Amino acid sequence: MDGILALMLSGVVIRPARRADVPGIITLFTAVAAERDSIGTEPGFDVAQRQSRILQSVEEAASCVLVAAVEDLVVGNLGIYVQHRQSVGSLGMLVARQHRGQGIGGRLLDDSLRWARESGLHKVDLGVWPHNTAAIALYCSRGFTIEGRRRRHYRRANGELWDVVTMGLVLDTHSPGSSHPDADNL
C-alpha cells in the first residue's frame, strides 16, 4: 500500500496504453535506446515500424501494453507480447532515467502479471543485460528466476557482443510437466 500511495503522491498513474499514448511511448523508447545500455534497441531503429507495432499491440486484446504517466507524459512502458496461439508472454519494460528507483517498474510489473494470470498465460519470459542488476533484482522480487545466459548473443552498434540473461516466471504450477525426463548431462 505504501508504494501505491507514493505513486499517487508523485502524480504517476499506471494504466493501459491508449492510441494517443503511442507518440509518448516512442519518445520514451527513443530516449532509453539512446542510453545504449538499458534495452536491446539502439539509436537508428525504424521509428515508423516500431510505432506501427506498438499501435497494433495497443489495439490487440492478446497483448498487454501499460504506461506509467504523469499527466500526459509517458514515463514508463511495459508490454507483454503473446505469440499467436501460445500461452507464453514475452515481457519488455522501460522507465525514463529520471523516474527510475521510484517504484514505477514494480507497479508496471505487478499490473502486467495480474493481466497475464487473468489471460491464462502459463509463463512470462524476458531477457535482461547482466549488468542491469536493479532490473534483475526487481524481476526476482516478483518470482522470476534466471533460466540461463546467452553468451555473446547480441551484437551492439559498436561491434561488441553482449550476453543476455534469460528469466522466466511460471504462472501455471498445476499442469503436468514434460513427459520426457531431463537429460543428466545437459
N, C-alpha and C. Protein backbone atom coordinates (compact mmCIF):
# COMPACT_ATOMS: atom_id res chain seq x y z
N MET A 1 0.81 -1.20 0.00
CA MET A 1 0.00 0.00 0.00
C MET A 1 0.86 1.26 0.00
N ASP A 2 2.02 1.23 0.67
CA ASP A 2 2.88 2.40 0.69
C ASP A 2 3.34 2.78 -0.72
N GLY A 3 3.64 1.75 -1.56
CA GLY A 3 4.07 2.01 -2.94
C GLY A 3 2.99 2.70 -3.74
N ILE A 4 1.74 2.26 -3.57
CA ILE A 4 0.62 2.87 -4.29
C ILE A 4 0.45 4.32 -3.85
N LEU A 5 0.54 4.56 -2.55
CA LEU A 5 0.43 5.92 -2.02
C LEU A 5 1.54 6.80 -2.57
N ALA A 6 2.77 6.27 -2.60
CA ALA A 6 3.89 7.05 -3.12
C ALA A 6 3.68 7.39 -4.59
N LEU A 7 3.17 6.44 -5.37
CA LEU A 7 2.92 6.72 -6.78
C LEU A 7 1.83 7.77 -6.95
N MET A 8 0.78 7.68 -6.13
CA MET A 8 -0.29 8.68 -6.23
C MET A 8 0.25 10.05 -5.85
N LEU A 9 1.08 10.12 -4.82
CA LEU A 9 1.63 11.41 -4.39
C LEU A 9 2.57 11.99 -5.44
N SER A 10 3.28 11.12 -6.17
CA SER A 10 4.20 11.62 -7.19
C SER A 10 3.47 11.97 -8.48
N GLY A 11 2.18 11.68 -8.57
CA GLY A 11 1.41 12.00 -9.75
C GLY A 11 1.53 10.99 -10.87
N VAL A 12 2.13 9.83 -10.60
CA VAL A 12 2.30 8.79 -11.62
C VAL A 12 1.08 7.89 -11.60
N VAL A 13 0.50 7.69 -12.77
CA VAL A 13 -0.65 6.80 -12.92
C VAL A 13 -0.22 5.64 -13.82
N ILE A 14 -0.53 4.42 -13.38
CA ILE A 14 -0.28 3.23 -14.19
C ILE A 14 -1.62 2.83 -14.81
N ARG A 15 -1.63 2.68 -16.15
CA ARG A 15 -2.89 2.35 -16.83
C ARG A 15 -2.60 1.70 -18.16
N PRO A 16 -3.64 1.06 -18.73
CA PRO A 16 -3.47 0.50 -20.08
C PRO A 16 -3.17 1.62 -21.08
N ALA A 17 -2.28 1.33 -22.01
CA ALA A 17 -1.94 2.31 -23.04
C ALA A 17 -3.12 2.52 -23.97
N ARG A 18 -3.20 3.75 -24.47
CA ARG A 18 -4.23 4.11 -25.45
C ARG A 18 -3.53 4.54 -26.74
N ARG A 19 -4.29 4.59 -27.78
CA ARG A 19 -3.76 5.02 -29.08
C ARG A 19 -3.02 6.36 -28.95
N ALA A 20 -3.57 7.28 -28.18
CA ALA A 20 -2.97 8.60 -28.02
C ALA A 20 -1.63 8.56 -27.29
N ASP A 21 -1.32 7.46 -26.61
CA ASP A 21 -0.05 7.33 -25.89
C ASP A 21 1.11 6.91 -26.79
N VAL A 22 0.82 6.42 -27.98
CA VAL A 22 1.87 5.85 -28.83
C VAL A 22 2.99 6.85 -29.12
N PRO A 23 2.73 8.11 -29.47
CA PRO A 23 3.85 9.05 -29.66
C PRO A 23 4.71 9.21 -28.41
N GLY A 24 4.08 9.24 -27.24
CA GLY A 24 4.84 9.34 -25.99
C GLY A 24 5.66 8.10 -25.72
N ILE A 25 5.12 6.94 -26.05
CA ILE A 25 5.88 5.69 -25.89
C ILE A 25 7.09 5.71 -26.82
N ILE A 26 6.91 6.19 -28.03
CA ILE A 26 8.03 6.28 -28.99
C ILE A 26 9.09 7.25 -28.48
N THR A 27 8.67 8.38 -27.93
CA THR A 27 9.61 9.36 -27.39
C THR A 27 10.42 8.73 -26.25
N LEU A 28 9.74 8.04 -25.34
CA LEU A 28 10.42 7.36 -24.24
C LEU A 28 11.36 6.28 -24.77
N PHE A 29 10.87 5.47 -25.70
CA PHE A 29 11.67 4.39 -26.26
C PHE A 29 12.94 4.95 -26.91
N THR A 30 12.80 6.05 -27.65
CA THR A 30 13.95 6.68 -28.30
C THR A 30 14.97 7.16 -27.28
N ALA A 31 14.49 7.76 -26.19
CA ALA A 31 15.40 8.26 -25.14
C ALA A 31 16.14 7.11 -24.46
N VAL A 32 15.43 6.03 -24.14
CA VAL A 32 16.07 4.90 -23.47
C VAL A 32 17.02 4.18 -24.43
N ALA A 33 16.65 4.07 -25.69
CA ALA A 33 17.54 3.46 -26.68
C ALA A 33 18.84 4.25 -26.79
N ALA A 34 18.76 5.57 -26.68
CA ALA A 34 19.94 6.43 -26.78
C ALA A 34 20.93 6.19 -25.63
N GLU A 35 20.45 5.64 -24.51
CA GLU A 35 21.35 5.32 -23.39
C GLU A 35 22.30 4.18 -23.76
N ARG A 36 21.87 3.32 -24.67
CA ARG A 36 22.66 2.21 -25.21
C ARG A 36 23.03 1.13 -24.19
N ASP A 37 22.41 1.14 -23.00
CA ASP A 37 22.78 0.12 -22.03
C ASP A 37 21.61 -0.45 -21.24
N SER A 38 20.39 -0.02 -21.55
CA SER A 38 19.23 -0.49 -20.79
C SER A 38 18.37 -1.47 -21.57
N ILE A 39 18.17 -1.21 -22.86
CA ILE A 39 17.35 -2.09 -23.70
C ILE A 39 18.18 -2.53 -24.91
N GLY A 40 17.68 -3.52 -25.61
CA GLY A 40 18.42 -4.05 -26.75
C GLY A 40 18.48 -3.13 -27.94
N THR A 41 17.47 -2.30 -28.12
CA THR A 41 17.43 -1.40 -29.27
C THR A 41 18.35 -0.22 -29.04
N GLU A 42 19.04 0.18 -30.10
CA GLU A 42 19.92 1.34 -30.06
C GLU A 42 19.41 2.37 -31.08
N PRO A 43 19.93 3.60 -31.02
CA PRO A 43 19.50 4.60 -32.00
C PRO A 43 19.69 4.10 -33.43
N GLY A 44 18.81 4.59 -34.30
CA GLY A 44 18.86 4.20 -35.69
C GLY A 44 17.79 3.18 -36.06
N PHE A 45 16.94 2.82 -35.09
CA PHE A 45 15.87 1.88 -35.39
C PHE A 45 14.81 2.54 -36.26
N ASP A 46 14.00 1.74 -36.90
CA ASP A 46 12.95 2.22 -37.77
C ASP A 46 11.76 2.68 -36.90
N VAL A 47 11.65 3.99 -36.72
CA VAL A 47 10.63 4.56 -35.84
C VAL A 47 9.22 4.23 -36.33
N ALA A 48 8.98 4.35 -37.62
CA ALA A 48 7.64 4.09 -38.16
C ALA A 48 7.25 2.63 -37.93
N GLN A 49 8.18 1.73 -38.14
CA GLN A 49 7.90 0.31 -37.91
C GLN A 49 7.61 0.04 -36.44
N ARG A 50 8.41 0.61 -35.55
CA ARG A 50 8.20 0.43 -34.11
C ARG A 50 6.86 1.02 -33.70
N GLN A 51 6.54 2.20 -34.20
CA GLN A 51 5.27 2.84 -33.89
C GLN A 51 4.10 1.98 -34.34
N SER A 52 4.20 1.41 -35.52
CA SER A 52 3.15 0.54 -36.04
C SER A 52 2.95 -0.68 -35.16
N ARG A 53 4.08 -1.31 -34.71
CA ARG A 53 3.97 -2.49 -33.85
C ARG A 53 3.36 -2.14 -32.50
N ILE A 54 3.73 -0.99 -31.95
CA ILE A 54 3.16 -0.59 -30.66
C ILE A 54 1.66 -0.33 -30.81
N LEU A 55 1.29 0.38 -31.85
CA LEU A 55 -0.12 0.67 -32.09
C LEU A 55 -0.92 -0.62 -32.25
N GLN A 56 -0.39 -1.56 -33.00
CA GLN A 56 -1.07 -2.84 -33.17
C GLN A 56 -1.23 -3.55 -31.82
N SER A 57 -0.20 -3.53 -31.00
CA SER A 57 -0.27 -4.19 -29.69
C SER A 57 -1.26 -3.50 -28.77
N VAL A 58 -1.32 -2.17 -28.82
CA VAL A 58 -2.28 -1.41 -28.00
C VAL A 58 -3.70 -1.81 -28.36
N GLU A 59 -3.94 -2.06 -29.64
CA GLU A 59 -5.29 -2.35 -30.10
C GLU A 59 -5.67 -3.83 -29.99
N GLU A 60 -4.70 -4.71 -29.74
CA GLU A 60 -4.98 -6.14 -29.63
C GLU A 60 -5.29 -6.53 -28.19
N ALA A 61 -6.30 -7.34 -28.01
CA ALA A 61 -6.61 -7.85 -26.68
C ALA A 61 -5.61 -8.92 -26.26
N ALA A 62 -4.86 -9.48 -27.22
CA ALA A 62 -3.92 -10.55 -26.93
C ALA A 62 -2.63 -10.05 -26.29
N SER A 63 -2.42 -8.75 -26.25
CA SER A 63 -1.22 -8.17 -25.67
C SER A 63 -1.59 -7.27 -24.51
N CYS A 64 -0.63 -7.09 -23.64
CA CYS A 64 -0.79 -6.16 -22.52
C CYS A 64 0.20 -5.02 -22.74
N VAL A 65 -0.29 -3.83 -22.89
CA VAL A 65 0.58 -2.66 -23.03
C VAL A 65 0.14 -1.65 -21.98
N LEU A 66 1.04 -1.36 -21.06
CA LEU A 66 0.76 -0.42 -19.98
C LEU A 66 1.68 0.78 -20.10
N VAL A 67 1.22 1.90 -19.56
CA VAL A 67 2.07 3.08 -19.44
C VAL A 67 2.04 3.57 -18.00
N ALA A 68 3.11 4.20 -17.64
CA ALA A 68 3.18 4.99 -16.41
C ALA A 68 3.20 6.43 -16.91
N ALA A 69 2.24 7.21 -16.45
CA ALA A 69 2.12 8.58 -16.98
C ALA A 69 2.03 9.59 -15.85
N VAL A 70 2.65 10.72 -16.08
CA VAL A 70 2.49 11.90 -15.23
C VAL A 70 1.73 12.88 -16.10
N GLU A 71 0.45 13.05 -15.77
CA GLU A 71 -0.48 13.77 -16.64
C GLU A 71 -0.45 13.10 -18.00
N ASP A 72 -0.03 13.78 -19.06
CA ASP A 72 0.00 13.17 -20.39
C ASP A 72 1.40 12.71 -20.80
N LEU A 73 2.38 12.84 -19.92
CA LEU A 73 3.75 12.47 -20.23
C LEU A 73 4.00 11.01 -19.88
N VAL A 74 4.36 10.19 -20.86
CA VAL A 74 4.67 8.78 -20.62
C VAL A 74 6.08 8.68 -20.05
N VAL A 75 6.19 8.14 -18.83
CA VAL A 75 7.49 8.00 -18.17
C VAL A 75 7.88 6.53 -18.00
N GLY A 76 6.98 5.63 -18.35
CA GLY A 76 7.27 4.19 -18.28
C GLY A 76 6.36 3.44 -19.22
N ASN A 77 6.83 2.29 -19.65
CA ASN A 77 6.05 1.46 -20.57
C ASN A 77 6.42 0.01 -20.35
N LEU A 78 5.43 -0.85 -20.37
CA LEU A 78 5.65 -2.28 -20.26
C LEU A 78 4.71 -2.98 -21.22
N GLY A 79 5.24 -3.96 -21.91
CA GLY A 79 4.41 -4.76 -22.80
C GLY A 79 4.66 -6.23 -22.57
N ILE A 80 3.59 -7.00 -22.59
CA ILE A 80 3.70 -8.46 -22.65
C ILE A 80 3.10 -8.85 -24.00
N TYR A 81 3.94 -9.45 -24.81
CA TYR A 81 3.54 -9.81 -26.17
C TYR A 81 3.41 -11.33 -26.24
N VAL A 82 2.25 -11.78 -26.67
CA VAL A 82 1.94 -13.21 -26.72
C VAL A 82 2.00 -13.67 -28.16
N GLN A 83 2.78 -14.72 -28.39
CA GLN A 83 2.84 -15.31 -29.72
C GLN A 83 1.49 -15.94 -30.04
N HIS A 84 1.09 -15.90 -31.27
CA HIS A 84 -0.18 -16.46 -31.71
C HIS A 84 -0.33 -17.89 -31.23
N ARG A 85 -1.44 -18.17 -30.57
CA ARG A 85 -1.82 -19.50 -30.09
C ARG A 85 -0.84 -20.09 -29.08
N GLN A 86 -0.07 -19.26 -28.43
CA GLN A 86 0.81 -19.71 -27.36
C GLN A 86 0.28 -19.14 -26.06
N SER A 87 0.74 -19.68 -24.96
CA SER A 87 0.33 -19.10 -23.68
C SER A 87 1.55 -18.65 -22.89
N VAL A 88 2.59 -18.24 -23.63
CA VAL A 88 3.78 -17.65 -23.04
C VAL A 88 3.87 -16.21 -23.51
N GLY A 89 4.06 -15.30 -22.60
CA GLY A 89 4.20 -13.90 -22.96
C GLY A 89 5.63 -13.44 -22.76
N SER A 90 6.13 -12.65 -23.70
CA SER A 90 7.47 -12.07 -23.59
C SER A 90 7.33 -10.63 -23.14
N LEU A 91 8.06 -10.30 -22.08
CA LEU A 91 7.92 -9.01 -21.42
C LEU A 91 9.06 -8.07 -21.81
N GLY A 92 8.71 -6.82 -22.04
CA GLY A 92 9.69 -5.76 -22.24
C GLY A 92 9.25 -4.55 -21.45
N MET A 93 10.20 -3.89 -20.77
CA MET A 93 9.83 -2.76 -19.93
C MET A 93 10.91 -1.69 -20.00
N LEU A 94 10.48 -0.43 -19.92
CA LEU A 94 11.42 0.67 -19.82
C LEU A 94 10.81 1.79 -19.00
N VAL A 95 11.66 2.46 -18.26
CA VAL A 95 11.26 3.60 -17.44
C VAL A 95 12.26 4.72 -17.71
N ALA A 96 11.77 5.94 -17.83
CA ALA A 96 12.65 7.09 -18.06
C ALA A 96 13.68 7.18 -16.95
N ARG A 97 14.91 7.49 -17.32
CA ARG A 97 16.02 7.52 -16.35
C ARG A 97 15.68 8.32 -15.10
N GLN A 98 15.10 9.48 -15.25
CA GLN A 98 14.83 10.35 -14.10
C GLN A 98 13.71 9.82 -13.21
N HIS A 99 13.00 8.78 -13.65
CA HIS A 99 11.91 8.22 -12.86
C HIS A 99 12.23 6.83 -12.32
N ARG A 100 13.44 6.36 -12.53
CA ARG A 100 13.83 5.04 -12.03
C ARG A 100 14.05 5.09 -10.53
N GLY A 101 13.85 3.95 -9.89
CA GLY A 101 14.06 3.86 -8.45
C GLY A 101 12.92 4.41 -7.62
N GLN A 102 11.78 4.66 -8.25
CA GLN A 102 10.63 5.24 -7.55
C GLN A 102 9.46 4.27 -7.42
N GLY A 103 9.67 3.01 -7.80
CA GLY A 103 8.61 2.02 -7.70
C GLY A 103 7.75 1.88 -8.94
N ILE A 104 8.02 2.64 -9.97
CA ILE A 104 7.21 2.61 -11.18
C ILE A 104 7.33 1.25 -11.88
N GLY A 105 8.55 0.74 -12.00
CA GLY A 105 8.76 -0.55 -12.64
C GLY A 105 8.02 -1.67 -11.91
N GLY A 106 8.04 -1.63 -10.59
CA GLY A 106 7.34 -2.65 -9.80
C GLY A 106 5.84 -2.62 -10.02
N ARG A 107 5.26 -1.43 -10.08
CA ARG A 107 3.82 -1.31 -10.32
C ARG A 107 3.45 -1.77 -11.72
N LEU A 108 4.26 -1.38 -12.71
CA LEU A 108 4.02 -1.84 -14.08
C LEU A 108 4.08 -3.37 -14.12
N LEU A 109 5.08 -3.92 -13.47
CA LEU A 109 5.25 -5.37 -13.45
C LEU A 109 4.09 -6.06 -12.75
N ASP A 110 3.69 -5.55 -11.59
CA ASP A 110 2.57 -6.16 -10.86
C ASP A 110 1.29 -6.16 -11.68
N ASP A 111 0.98 -5.03 -12.30
CA ASP A 111 -0.25 -4.94 -13.09
C ASP A 111 -0.19 -5.85 -14.31
N SER A 112 0.97 -5.96 -14.94
CA SER A 112 1.09 -6.82 -16.12
C SER A 112 1.00 -8.29 -15.75
N LEU A 113 1.55 -8.67 -14.61
CA LEU A 113 1.46 -10.08 -14.19
C LEU A 113 0.04 -10.45 -13.80
N ARG A 114 -0.70 -9.50 -13.25
CA ARG A 114 -2.12 -9.73 -12.97
C ARG A 114 -2.86 -9.99 -14.30
N TRP A 115 -2.56 -9.18 -15.31
CA TRP A 115 -3.16 -9.38 -16.63
C TRP A 115 -2.78 -10.76 -17.19
N ALA A 116 -1.51 -11.14 -17.06
CA ALA A 116 -1.04 -12.43 -17.58
C ALA A 116 -1.79 -13.59 -16.94
N ARG A 117 -1.97 -13.53 -15.64
CA ARG A 117 -2.70 -14.59 -14.94
C ARG A 117 -4.17 -14.63 -15.39
N GLU A 118 -4.79 -13.46 -15.45
CA GLU A 118 -6.20 -13.39 -15.85
C GLU A 118 -6.39 -13.81 -17.31
N SER A 119 -5.36 -13.67 -18.13
CA SER A 119 -5.44 -14.04 -19.54
C SER A 119 -5.10 -15.50 -19.78
N GLY A 120 -4.74 -16.21 -18.74
CA GLY A 120 -4.46 -17.64 -18.86
C GLY A 120 -3.07 -17.99 -19.37
N LEU A 121 -2.13 -17.04 -19.31
CA LEU A 121 -0.77 -17.38 -19.72
C LEU A 121 -0.19 -18.38 -18.72
N HIS A 122 0.62 -19.29 -19.20
CA HIS A 122 1.24 -20.22 -18.27
C HIS A 122 2.64 -19.78 -17.88
N LYS A 123 3.20 -18.80 -18.62
CA LYS A 123 4.56 -18.34 -18.32
C LYS A 123 4.79 -16.96 -18.93
N VAL A 124 5.67 -16.20 -18.27
CA VAL A 124 6.15 -14.93 -18.80
C VAL A 124 7.67 -15.02 -18.82
N ASP A 125 8.28 -14.62 -19.93
CA ASP A 125 9.75 -14.64 -20.01
C ASP A 125 10.28 -13.28 -20.43
N LEU A 126 11.57 -13.10 -20.30
CA LEU A 126 12.21 -11.84 -20.66
C LEU A 126 13.71 -12.05 -20.80
N GLY A 127 14.35 -11.07 -21.39
CA GLY A 127 15.81 -11.02 -21.46
C GLY A 127 16.27 -9.71 -20.84
N VAL A 128 17.39 -9.75 -20.14
CA VAL A 128 17.91 -8.55 -19.46
C VAL A 128 19.43 -8.59 -19.52
N TRP A 129 20.04 -7.43 -19.67
CA TRP A 129 21.51 -7.36 -19.68
C TRP A 129 22.04 -7.77 -18.31
N PRO A 130 23.11 -8.52 -18.26
CA PRO A 130 23.67 -8.96 -16.97
C PRO A 130 24.08 -7.80 -16.06
N HIS A 131 24.47 -6.66 -16.64
CA HIS A 131 24.89 -5.53 -15.81
C HIS A 131 23.70 -4.76 -15.22
N ASN A 132 22.48 -5.07 -15.65
CA ASN A 132 21.29 -4.36 -15.16
C ASN A 132 20.80 -5.04 -13.87
N THR A 133 21.60 -4.91 -12.83
CA THR A 133 21.32 -5.61 -11.57
C THR A 133 20.04 -5.12 -10.90
N ALA A 134 19.69 -3.86 -11.08
CA ALA A 134 18.44 -3.35 -10.48
C ALA A 134 17.24 -4.04 -11.12
N ALA A 135 17.25 -4.20 -12.44
CA ALA A 135 16.14 -4.87 -13.12
C ALA A 135 16.09 -6.34 -12.72
N ILE A 136 17.24 -6.99 -12.66
CA ILE A 136 17.27 -8.40 -12.26
C ILE A 136 16.70 -8.56 -10.86
N ALA A 137 17.09 -7.68 -9.95
CA ALA A 137 16.57 -7.74 -8.57
C ALA A 137 15.05 -7.52 -8.54
N LEU A 138 14.55 -6.59 -9.35
CA LEU A 138 13.11 -6.35 -9.42
C LEU A 138 12.39 -7.60 -9.92
N TYR A 139 12.87 -8.18 -11.00
CA TYR A 139 12.22 -9.38 -11.53
C TYR A 139 12.26 -10.52 -10.52
N CYS A 140 13.39 -10.72 -9.86
CA CYS A 140 13.49 -11.78 -8.84
C CYS A 140 12.52 -11.52 -7.69
N SER A 141 12.31 -10.26 -7.34
CA SER A 141 11.39 -9.94 -6.23
C SER A 141 9.95 -10.31 -6.57
N ARG A 142 9.65 -10.48 -7.85
CA ARG A 142 8.30 -10.86 -8.28
C ARG A 142 8.21 -12.33 -8.65
N GLY A 143 9.27 -13.09 -8.36
CA GLY A 143 9.23 -14.53 -8.56
C GLY A 143 9.92 -15.04 -9.81
N PHE A 144 10.43 -14.17 -10.66
CA PHE A 144 11.16 -14.61 -11.84
C PHE A 144 12.45 -15.31 -11.39
N THR A 145 12.86 -16.29 -12.17
CA THR A 145 14.13 -16.96 -11.91
C THR A 145 15.00 -16.87 -13.15
N ILE A 146 16.30 -16.92 -12.91
CA ILE A 146 17.24 -16.91 -14.02
C ILE A 146 17.24 -18.31 -14.62
N GLU A 147 16.97 -18.37 -15.91
CA GLU A 147 16.89 -19.65 -16.60
C GLU A 147 18.13 -19.93 -17.44
N GLY A 148 18.90 -18.92 -17.69
CA GLY A 148 20.10 -19.13 -18.48
C GLY A 148 20.77 -17.84 -18.87
N ARG A 149 21.84 -17.99 -19.59
CA ARG A 149 22.60 -16.85 -20.08
C ARG A 149 23.06 -17.18 -21.49
N ARG A 150 22.70 -16.32 -22.41
CA ARG A 150 23.15 -16.48 -23.79
C ARG A 150 24.42 -15.66 -23.94
N ARG A 151 25.50 -16.33 -24.14
CA ARG A 151 26.82 -15.68 -24.20
C ARG A 151 27.06 -15.06 -25.57
N ARG A 152 27.55 -13.80 -25.52
CA ARG A 152 27.92 -13.08 -26.74
C ARG A 152 26.81 -13.19 -27.78
N HIS A 153 25.59 -12.94 -27.35
CA HIS A 153 24.40 -13.20 -28.16
C HIS A 153 23.98 -12.02 -29.04
N TYR A 154 24.12 -10.81 -28.53
CA TYR A 154 23.66 -9.64 -29.27
C TYR A 154 24.83 -8.76 -29.69
N ARG A 155 24.88 -8.47 -30.99
CA ARG A 155 25.90 -7.55 -31.49
C ARG A 155 25.38 -6.13 -31.31
N ARG A 156 26.19 -5.32 -30.67
CA ARG A 156 25.85 -3.92 -30.44
C ARG A 156 26.38 -3.08 -31.60
N ALA A 157 25.90 -1.85 -31.72
CA ALA A 157 26.30 -0.97 -32.82
C ALA A 157 27.81 -0.74 -32.85
N ASN A 158 28.46 -0.79 -31.68
CA ASN A 158 29.91 -0.56 -31.63
C ASN A 158 30.71 -1.83 -31.94
N GLY A 159 30.02 -2.93 -32.26
CA GLY A 159 30.70 -4.17 -32.59
C GLY A 159 30.84 -5.15 -31.44
N GLU A 160 30.61 -4.69 -30.21
CA GLU A 160 30.71 -5.59 -29.06
C GLU A 160 29.61 -6.65 -29.11
N LEU A 161 29.93 -7.82 -28.54
CA LEU A 161 28.95 -8.89 -28.41
C LEU A 161 28.58 -9.01 -26.94
N TRP A 162 27.29 -8.77 -26.63
CA TRP A 162 26.83 -8.76 -25.24
C TRP A 162 26.08 -10.04 -24.91
N ASP A 163 26.27 -10.48 -23.66
CA ASP A 163 25.48 -11.57 -23.11
C ASP A 163 24.10 -11.05 -22.75
N VAL A 164 23.14 -11.96 -22.64
CA VAL A 164 21.81 -11.62 -22.14
C VAL A 164 21.41 -12.71 -21.15
N VAL A 165 20.82 -12.30 -20.04
CA VAL A 165 20.30 -13.23 -19.05
C VAL A 165 18.83 -13.48 -19.39
N THR A 166 18.46 -14.75 -19.48
CA THR A 166 17.05 -15.08 -19.72
C THR A 166 16.41 -15.43 -18.39
N MET A 167 15.22 -14.89 -18.19
CA MET A 167 14.49 -15.10 -16.94
C MET A 167 13.06 -15.52 -17.28
N GLY A 168 12.44 -16.24 -16.36
CA GLY A 168 11.07 -16.66 -16.58
C GLY A 168 10.31 -16.75 -15.27
N LEU A 169 9.01 -16.62 -15.38
CA LEU A 169 8.09 -16.78 -14.26
C LEU A 169 7.01 -17.74 -14.70
N VAL A 170 6.97 -18.93 -14.09
CA VAL A 170 5.95 -19.92 -14.39
C VAL A 170 4.69 -19.55 -13.60
N LEU A 171 3.61 -19.33 -14.31
CA LEU A 171 2.34 -18.97 -13.68
C LEU A 171 1.46 -20.19 -13.43
N ASP A 172 1.58 -21.20 -14.28
CA ASP A 172 0.80 -22.43 -14.14
C ASP A 172 1.67 -23.49 -13.50
N THR A 173 1.48 -23.69 -12.22
CA THR A 173 2.27 -24.69 -11.50
C THR A 173 1.48 -25.98 -11.28
N HIS A 174 0.26 -26.07 -11.83
CA HIS A 174 -0.59 -27.24 -11.61
C HIS A 174 -0.60 -28.23 -12.76
N SER A 175 -0.42 -27.76 -13.97
CA SER A 175 -0.42 -28.67 -15.12
C SER A 175 0.81 -29.57 -15.05
N PRO A 176 0.71 -30.78 -15.57
CA PRO A 176 1.87 -31.68 -15.53
C PRO A 176 3.01 -31.12 -16.36
N GLY A 177 4.22 -31.49 -15.98
CA GLY A 177 5.41 -31.08 -16.71
C GLY A 177 5.67 -32.02 -17.88
N SER A 178 6.83 -31.89 -18.46
CA SER A 178 7.21 -32.69 -19.61
C SER A 178 7.21 -34.16 -19.28
N SER A 179 6.78 -34.98 -20.23
CA SER A 179 6.82 -36.42 -20.05
C SER A 179 8.20 -36.99 -20.34
N HIS A 180 9.10 -36.13 -20.80
CA HIS A 180 10.46 -36.56 -21.09
C HIS A 180 11.38 -36.11 -19.95
N PRO A 181 12.06 -37.04 -19.30
CA PRO A 181 12.95 -36.65 -18.20
C PRO A 181 14.09 -35.78 -18.72
N ASP A 182 14.56 -34.89 -17.87
CA ASP A 182 15.68 -34.05 -18.23
C ASP A 182 16.91 -34.91 -18.47
N ALA A 183 17.69 -34.53 -19.45
CA ALA A 183 18.95 -35.24 -19.69
C ALA A 183 19.91 -34.91 -18.56
N ASP A 184 20.61 -35.91 -18.08
CA ASP A 184 21.51 -35.72 -16.94
C ASP A 184 22.72 -34.86 -17.30
N ASN A 185 23.14 -34.87 -18.53
CA ASN A 185 24.39 -34.19 -18.91
C ASN A 185 24.17 -33.00 -19.80
N LEU A 186 23.13 -32.23 -19.56
CA LEU A 186 22.92 -31.04 -20.38
C LEU A 186 23.93 -29.98 -20.03
